Amino acid sequence: MMRKDDPEFKKLVDDVMSQVMTSGGIKTMYDKWFMKPVPPKNINFNFPMSETMQKLYANPNDKAFE
């Protein structure tokens, strides 16, 4: 969440998130939390990223998902 009345901050957040998504950094983070054991109990959720999510990460935008 962020304030509605701060377009400069929104642009900064959008730009950083877009870079993380398109660079592949998001896949590293996703794998860490959903495909590998998570401390402290080392539970592995084994929850692969869906094709839909991969497509959204490849083309980030601020539109609602339909």
PDB file of N, CA and C in Angstrom:
ATOM      1  N   MET A   1       0.839  -1.159   0.000  1.00  0.00           N
ATOM      2  CA  MET A   1       0.000   0.000   0.000  1.00  0.00           C
ATOM      3  C   MET A   1       0.889   1.228   0.000  1.00  0.00           C
ATOM      4  N   MET A   2       0.354   2.269  -0.630  1.00  0.00           N
ATOM      5  CA  MET A   2       1.026   3.561  -0.596  1.00  0.00           C
ATOM      6  C   MET A   2      -0.008   4.656  -0.823  1.00  0.00           C
ATOM      7  N   ARG A   3       0.386   5.867  -0.502  1.00  0.00           N
ATOM      8  CA  ARG A   3      -0.535   6.993  -0.649  1.00  0.00           C
ATOM      9  C   ARG A   3      -0.920   7.195  -2.105  1.00  0.00           C
ATOM     10  N   LYS A   4      -2.148   7.607  -2.319  1.00  0.00           N
ATOM     11  CA  LYS A   4      -2.625   7.880  -3.676  1.00  0.00           C
ATOM     12  C   LYS A   4      -2.043   9.174  -4.239  1.00  0.00           C
ATOM     13  N   ASP A   5      -1.686  10.092  -3.370  1.00  0.00           N
ATOM     14  CA  ASP A   5      -1.304  11.436  -3.800  1.00  0.00           C
ATOM     15  C   ASP A   5       0.207  11.637  -3.923  1.00  0.00           C
ATOM     16  N   ASP A   6       0.924  10.583  -4.290  1.00  0.00           N
ATOM     17  CA  ASP A   6       2.375  10.702  -4.416  1.00  0.00           C
ATOM     18  C   ASP A   6       2.836  10.016  -5.698  1.00  0.00           C
ATOM     19  N   PRO A   7       2.587  10.663  -6.854  1.00  0.00           N
ATOM     20  CA  PRO A   7       2.930  10.024  -8.134  1.00  0.00           C
ATOM     21  C   PRO A   7       4.427   9.780  -8.319  1.00  0.00           C
ATOM     22  N   GLU A   8       5.264  10.609  -7.725  1.00  0.00           N
ATOM     23  CA  GLU A   8       6.710  10.402  -7.851  1.00  0.00           C
ATOM     24  C   GLU A   8       7.140   9.121  -7.139  1.00  0.00           C
ATOM     25  N   PHE A   9       6.581   8.898  -5.946  1.00  0.00           N
ATOM     26  CA  PHE A   9       6.914   7.681  -5.209  1.00  0.00           C
ATOM     27  C   PHE A   9       6.358   6.456  -5.938  1.00  0.00           C
ATOM     28  N   LYS A  10       5.140   6.551  -6.458  1.00  0.00           N
ATOM     29  CA  LYS A  10       4.548   5.450  -7.216  1.00  0.00           C
ATOM     30  C   LYS A  10       5.425   5.092  -8.407  1.00  0.00           C
ATOM     31  N   LYS A  11       5.918   6.095  -9.123  1.00  0.00           N
ATOM     32  CA  LYS A  11       6.777   5.842 -10.275  1.00  0.00           C
ATOM     33  C   LYS A  11       8.055   5.127  -9.844  1.00  0.00           C
ATOM     34  N   LEU A  12       8.648   5.567  -8.737  1.00  0.00           N
ATOM     35  CA  LEU A  12       9.853   4.928  -8.225  1.00  0.00           C
ATOM     36  C   LEU A  12       9.589   3.456  -7.906  1.00  0.00           C
ATOM     37  N   VAL A  13       8.512   3.191  -7.175  1.00  0.00           N
ATOM     38  CA  VAL A  13       8.166   1.815  -6.822  1.00  0.00           C
ATOM     39  C   VAL A  13       7.887   0.995  -8.084  1.00  0.00           C
ATOM     40  N   ASP A  14       7.106   1.541  -9.001  1.00  0.00           N
ATOM     41  CA  ASP A  14       6.804   0.834 -10.253  1.00  0.00           C
ATOM     42  C   ASP A  14       8.074   0.502 -11.023  1.00  0.00           C
ATOM     43  N   ASP A  15       8.977   1.470 -11.115  1.00  0.00           N
ATOM     44  CA  ASP A  15      10.215   1.249 -11.867  1.00  0.00           C
ATOM     45  C   ASP A  15      11.080   0.161 -11.229  1.00  0.00           C
ATOM     46  N   VAL A  16      11.208   0.199  -9.908  1.00  0.00           N
ATOM     47  CA  VAL A  16      12.028  -0.803  -9.213  1.00  0.00           C
ATOM     48  C   VAL A  16      11.391  -2.180  -9.336  1.00  0.00           C
ATOM     49  N   MET A  17      10.091  -2.265  -9.110  1.00  0.00           N
ATOM     50  CA  MET A  17       9.415  -3.563  -9.213  1.00  0.00           C
ATOM     51  C   MET A  17       9.478  -4.121 -10.635  1.00  0.00           C
ATOM     52  N   SER A  18       9.308  -3.257 -11.620  1.00  0.00           N
ATOM     53  CA  SER A  18       9.401  -3.702 -13.016  1.00  0.00           C
ATOM     54  C   SER A  18      10.781  -4.251 -13.316  1.00  0.00           C
ATOM     55  N   GLN A  19      11.811  -3.587 -12.804  1.00  0.00           N
ATOM     56  CA  GLN A  19      13.182  -4.045 -13.040  1.00  0.00           C
ATOM     57  C   GLN A  19      13.410  -5.405 -12.388  1.00  0.00           C
ATOM     58  N   VAL A  20      12.919  -5.593 -11.173  1.00  0.00           N
ATOM     59  CA  VAL A  20      13.073  -6.876 -10.480  1.00  0.00           C
ATOM     60  C   VAL A  20      12.348  -7.982 -11.249  1.00  0.00           C
ATOM     61  N   MET A  21      11.173  -7.666 -11.764  1.00  0.00           N
ATOM     62  CA  MET A  21      10.387  -8.670 -12.484  1.00  0.00           C
ATOM     63  C   MET A  21      11.026  -9.041 -13.823  1.00  0.00           C
ATOM     64  N   THR A  22      11.438  -8.062 -14.590  1.00  0.00           N
ATOM     65  CA  THR A  22      11.949  -8.345 -15.937  1.00  0.00           C
ATOM     66  C   THR A  22      13.391  -8.844 -15.929  1.00  0.00           C
ATOM     67  N   SER A  23      14.145  -8.573 -14.867  1.00  0.00           N
ATOM     68  CA  SER A  23      15.538  -9.027 -14.803  1.00  0.00           C
ATOM     69  C   SER A  23      15.671 -10.493 -14.394  1.00  0.00           C
ATOM     70  N   GLY A  24      14.582 -11.061 -13.884  1.00  0.00           N
ATOM     71  CA  GLY A  24      14.640 -12.428 -13.388  1.00  0.00           C
ATOM     72  C   GLY A  24      14.851 -12.500 -11.892  1.00  0.00           C
ATOM     73  N   GLY A  25      15.088 -11.362 -11.251  1.00  0.00           N
ATOM     74  CA  GLY A  25      15.285 -11.349  -9.802  1.00  0.00           C
ATOM     75  C   GLY A  25      14.083 -11.888  -9.041  1.00  0.00           C
ATOM     76  N   ILE A  26      12.898 -11.665  -9.586  1.00  0.00           N
ATOM     77  CA  ILE A  26      11.692 -12.138  -8.912  1.00  0.00           C
ATOM     78  C   ILE A  26      11.655 -13.664  -8.877  1.00  0.00           C
ATOM     79  N   LYS A  27      12.206 -14.316  -9.905  1.00  0.00           N
ATOM     80  CA  LYS A  27      12.237 -15.784  -9.929  1.00  0.00           C
ATOM     81  C   LYS A  27      13.120 -16.319  -8.800  1.00  0.00           C
ATOM     82  N   THR A  28      14.237 -15.666  -8.564  1.00  0.00           N
ATOM     83  CA  THR A  28      15.124 -16.062  -7.469  1.00  0.00           C
ATOM     84  C   THR A  28      14.395 -15.956  -6.134  1.00  0.00           C
ATOM     85  N   MET A  29      13.691 -14.835  -5.930  1.00  0.00           N
ATOM     86  CA  MET A  29      12.940 -14.648  -4.680  1.00  0.00           C
ATOM     87  C   MET A  29      11.813 -15.663  -4.560  1.00  0.00           C
ATOM     88  N   TYR A  30      11.096 -15.877  -5.657  1.00  0.00           N
ATOM     89  CA  TYR A  30       9.984 -16.836  -5.647  1.00  0.00           C
ATOM     90  C   TYR A  30      10.495 -18.226  -5.292  1.00  0.00           C
ATOM     91  N   ASP A  31      11.576 -18.649  -5.961  1.00  0.00           N
ATOM     92  CA  ASP A  31      12.136 -19.973  -5.688  1.00  0.00           C
ATOM     93  C   ASP A  31      12.538 -20.124  -4.227  1.00  0.00           C
ATOM     94  N   LYS A  32      13.111 -19.073  -3.653  1.00  0.00           N
ATOM     95  CA  LYS A  32      13.548 -19.118  -2.255  1.00  0.00           C
ATOM     96  C   LYS A  32      12.385 -19.412  -1.321  1.00  0.00           C
ATOM     97  N   TRP A  33      11.243 -18.765  -1.562  1.00  0.00           N
ATOM     98  CA  TRP A  33      10.125 -18.866  -0.623  1.00  0.00           C
ATOM     99  C   TRP A  33       9.096 -19.932  -0.969  1.00  0.00           C
ATOM    100  N   PHE A  34       9.025 -20.361  -2.228  1.00  0.00           N
ATOM    101  CA  PHE A  34       7.975 -21.305  -2.613  1.00  0.00           C
ATOM    102  C   PHE A  34       8.474 -22.637  -3.152  1.00  0.00           C
ATOM    103  N   MET A  35       9.777 -22.729  -3.466  1.00  0.00           N
ATOM    104  CA  MET A  35      10.292 -23.973  -4.057  1.00  0.00           C
ATOM    105  C   MET A  35      11.408 -24.624  -3.233  1.00  0.00           C
ATOM    106  N   LYS A  36      11.863 -23.974  -2.176  1.00  0.00           N
ATOM    107  CA  LYS A  36      12.933 -24.505  -1.340  1.00  0.00           C
ATOM    108  C   LYS A  36      12.473 -24.533   0.108  1.00  0.00           C
ATOM    109  N   PRO A  37      13.105 -25.337   0.939  1.00  0.00           N
ATOM    110  CA  PRO A  37      12.734 -25.383   2.352  1.00  0.00           C
ATOM    111  C   PRO A  37      12.864 -24.008   3.014  1.00  0.00           C
ATOM    112  N   VAL A  38      11.831 -23.649   3.786  1.00  0.00           N
ATOM    113  CA  VAL A  38      11.779 -22.347   4.458  1.00  0.00           C
ATOM    114  C   VAL A  38      11.995 -22.560   5.958  1.00  0.00           C
ATOM    115  N   PRO A  39      13.008 -21.894   6.529  1.00  0.00           N
ATOM    116  CA  PRO A  39      13.237 -22.008   7.970  1.00  0.00           C
ATOM    117  C   PRO A  39      12.056 -21.414   8.747  1.00  0.00           C
ATOM    118  N   PRO A  40      11.841 -21.730   9.962  1.00  0.00           N
ATOM    119  CA  PRO A  40      12.701 -22.564  10.801  1.00  0.00           C
ATOM    120  C   PRO A  40      12.369 -24.045  10.720  1.00  0.00           C
ATOM    121  N   LYS A  41      11.218 -24.405  10.159  1.00  0.00           N
ATOM    122  CA  LYS A  41      10.826 -25.819  10.114  1.00  0.00           C
ATOM    123  C   LYS A  41      11.210 -26.498   8.807  1.00  0.00           C
ATOM    124  N   ASN A  42      11.850 -25.738   7.918  1.00  0.00           N
ATOM    125  CA  ASN A  42      12.299 -26.266   6.630  1.00  0.00           C
ATOM    126  C   ASN A  42      11.167 -26.919   5.825  1.00  0.00           C
ATOM    127  N   ILE A  43      10.044 -26.243   5.828  1.00  0.00           N
ATOM    128  CA  ILE A  43       8.898 -26.710   5.048  1.00  0.00           C
ATOM    129  C   ILE A  43       9.092 -26.274   3.602  1.00  0.00           C
ATOM    130  N   ASN A  44       8.895 -27.215   2.684  1.00  0.00           N
ATOM    131  CA  ASN A  44       8.981 -26.898   1.261  1.00  0.00           C
ATOM    132  C   ASN A  44       7.558 -26.892   0.707  1.00  0.00           C
ATOM    133  N   PHE A  45       7.096 -25.732   0.274  1.00  0.00           N
ATOM    134  CA  PHE A  45       5.738 -25.613  -0.242  1.00  0.00           C
ATOM    135  C   PHE A  45       5.600 -26.240  -1.628  1.00  0.00           C
ATOM    136  N   ASN A  46       6.725 -26.372  -2.341  1.00  0.00           N
ATOM    137  CA  ASN A  46       6.734 -26.961  -3.676  1.00  0.00           C
ATOM    138  C   ASN A  46       5.574 -26.420  -4.519  1.00  0.00           C
ATOM    139  N   PHE A  47       5.558 -25.102  -4.651  1.00  0.00           N
ATOM    140  CA  PHE A  47       4.472 -24.399  -5.335  1.00  0.00           C
ATOM    141  C   PHE A  47       5.047 -23.667  -6.545  1.00  0.00           C
ATOM    142  N   PRO A  48       5.146 -24.363  -7.698  1.00  0.00           N
ATOM    143  CA  PRO A  48       5.744 -23.742  -8.885  1.00  0.00           C
ATOM    144  C   PRO A  48       4.977 -22.497  -9.341  1.00  0.00           C
ATOM    145  N   MET A  49       5.711 -21.577  -9.922  1.00  0.00           N
ATOM    146  CA  MET A  49       5.106 -20.365 -10.449  1.00  0.00           C
ATOM    147  C   MET A  49       4.220 -20.722 -11.645  1.00  0.00           C
ATOM    148  N   SER A  50       3.006 -20.223 -11.641  1.00  0.00           N
ATOM    149  CA  SER A  50       2.082 -20.527 -12.729  1.00  0.00           C
ATOM    150  C   SER A  50       2.497 -19.817 -14.018  1.00  0.00           C
ATOM    151  N   GLU A  51       2.012 -20.337 -15.117  1.00  0.00           N
ATOM    152  CA  GLU A  51       2.281 -19.707 -16.407  1.00  0.00           C
ATOM    153  C   GLU A  51       1.701 -18.289 -16.454  1.00  0.00           C
ATOM    154  N   THR A  52       0.541 -18.113 -15.856  1.00  0.00           N
ATOM    155  CA  THR A  52      -0.075 -16.784 -15.804  1.00  0.00           C
ATOM    156  C   THR A  52       0.809 -15.796 -15.057  1.00  0.00           C
ATOM    157  N   MET A  53       1.344 -16.214 -13.912  1.00  0.00           N
ATOM    158  CA  MET A  53       2.211 -15.329 -13.133  1.00  0.00           C
ATOM    159  C   MET A  53       3.491 -15.023 -13.899  1.00  0.00           C
ATOM    160  N   GLN A  54       4.043 -16.005 -14.600  1.00  0.00           N
ATOM    161  CA  GLN A  54       5.240 -15.769 -15.396  1.00  0.00           C
ATOM    162  C   GLN A  54       4.984 -14.719 -16.470  1.00  0.00           C
ATOM    163  N   LYS A  55       3.828 -14.796 -17.094  1.00  0.00           N
ATOM    164  CA  LYS A  55       3.473 -13.802 -18.121  1.00  0.00           C
ATOM    165  C   LYS A  55       3.307 -12.418 -17.519  1.00  0.00           C
ATOM    166  N   LEU A  56       2.696 -12.337 -16.342  1.00  0.00           N
ATOM    167  CA  LEU A  56       2.531 -11.039 -15.676  1.00  0.00           C
ATOM    168  C   LEU A  56       3.893 -10.443 -15.304  1.00  0.00           C
ATOM    169  N   TYR A  57       4.798 -11.280 -14.824  1.00  0.00           N
ATOM    170  CA  TYR A  57       6.132 -10.794 -14.464  1.00  0.00           C
ATOM    171  C   TYR A  57       6.922 -10.365 -15.703  1.00  0.00           C
ATOM    172  N   ALA A  58       6.678 -11.005 -16.823  1.00  0.00           N
ATOM    173  CA  ALA A  58       7.387 -10.648 -18.056  1.00  0.00           C
ATOM    174  C   ALA A  58       6.939  -9.296 -18.607  1.00  0.00           C
ATOM    175  N   ASN A  59       5.713  -8.911 -18.303  1.00  0.00           N
ATOM    176  CA  ASN A  59       5.145  -7.641 -18.797  1.00  0.00           C
ATOM    177  C   ASN A  59       4.460  -6.893 -17.666  1.00  0.00           C
ATOM    178  N   PRO A  60       5.231  -6.360 -16.716  1.00  0.00           N
ATOM    179  CA  PRO A  60       4.619  -5.698 -15.562  1.00  0.00           C
ATOM    180  C   PRO A  60       3.810  -4.464 -15.953  1.00  0.00           C
ATOM    181  N   ASN A  61       2.731  -4.254 -15.206  1.00  0.00           N
ATOM    182  CA  ASN A  61       1.899  -3.060 -15.399  1.00  0.00           C
ATOM    183  C   ASN A  61       1.114  -2.821 -14.109  1.00  0.00           C
ATOM    184  N   ASP A  62       0.398  -1.727 -14.059  1.00  0.00           N
ATOM    185  CA  ASP A  62      -0.379  -1.434 -12.852  1.00  0.00           C
ATOM    186  C   ASP A  62      -1.877  -1.575 -13.085  1.00  0.00           C
ATOM    187  N   LYS A  63      -2.233  -2.418 -14.022  1.00  0.00           N
ATOM    188  CA  LYS A  63      -3.642  -2.676 -14.326  1.00  0.00           C
ATOM    189  C   LYS A  63      -4.153  -3.829 -13.466  1.00  0.00           C
ATOM    190  N   ALA A  64      -5.436  -3.822 -13.166  1.00  0.00           N
ATOM    191  CA  ALA A  64      -6.039  -4.918 -12.420  1.00  0.00           C
ATOM    192  C   ALA A  64      -6.074  -6.167 -13.298  1.00  0.00           C
ATOM    193  N   PHE A  65      -5.865  -7.320 -12.683  1.00  0.00           N
ATOM    194  CA  PHE A  65      -5.900  -8.585 -13.406  1.00  0.00           C
ATOM    195  C   PHE A  65      -7.335  -8.931 -13.733  1.00  0.00           C
ATOM    196  N   GLU A  66      -7.574  -9.294 -14.964  1.00  0.00           N
ATOM    197  CA  GLU A  66      -8.940  -9.645 -15.379  1.00  0.00           C
ATOM    198  C   GLU A  66      -9.034 -11.104 -15.706  1.00  0.00           C
TER     199      GLU A  66
END
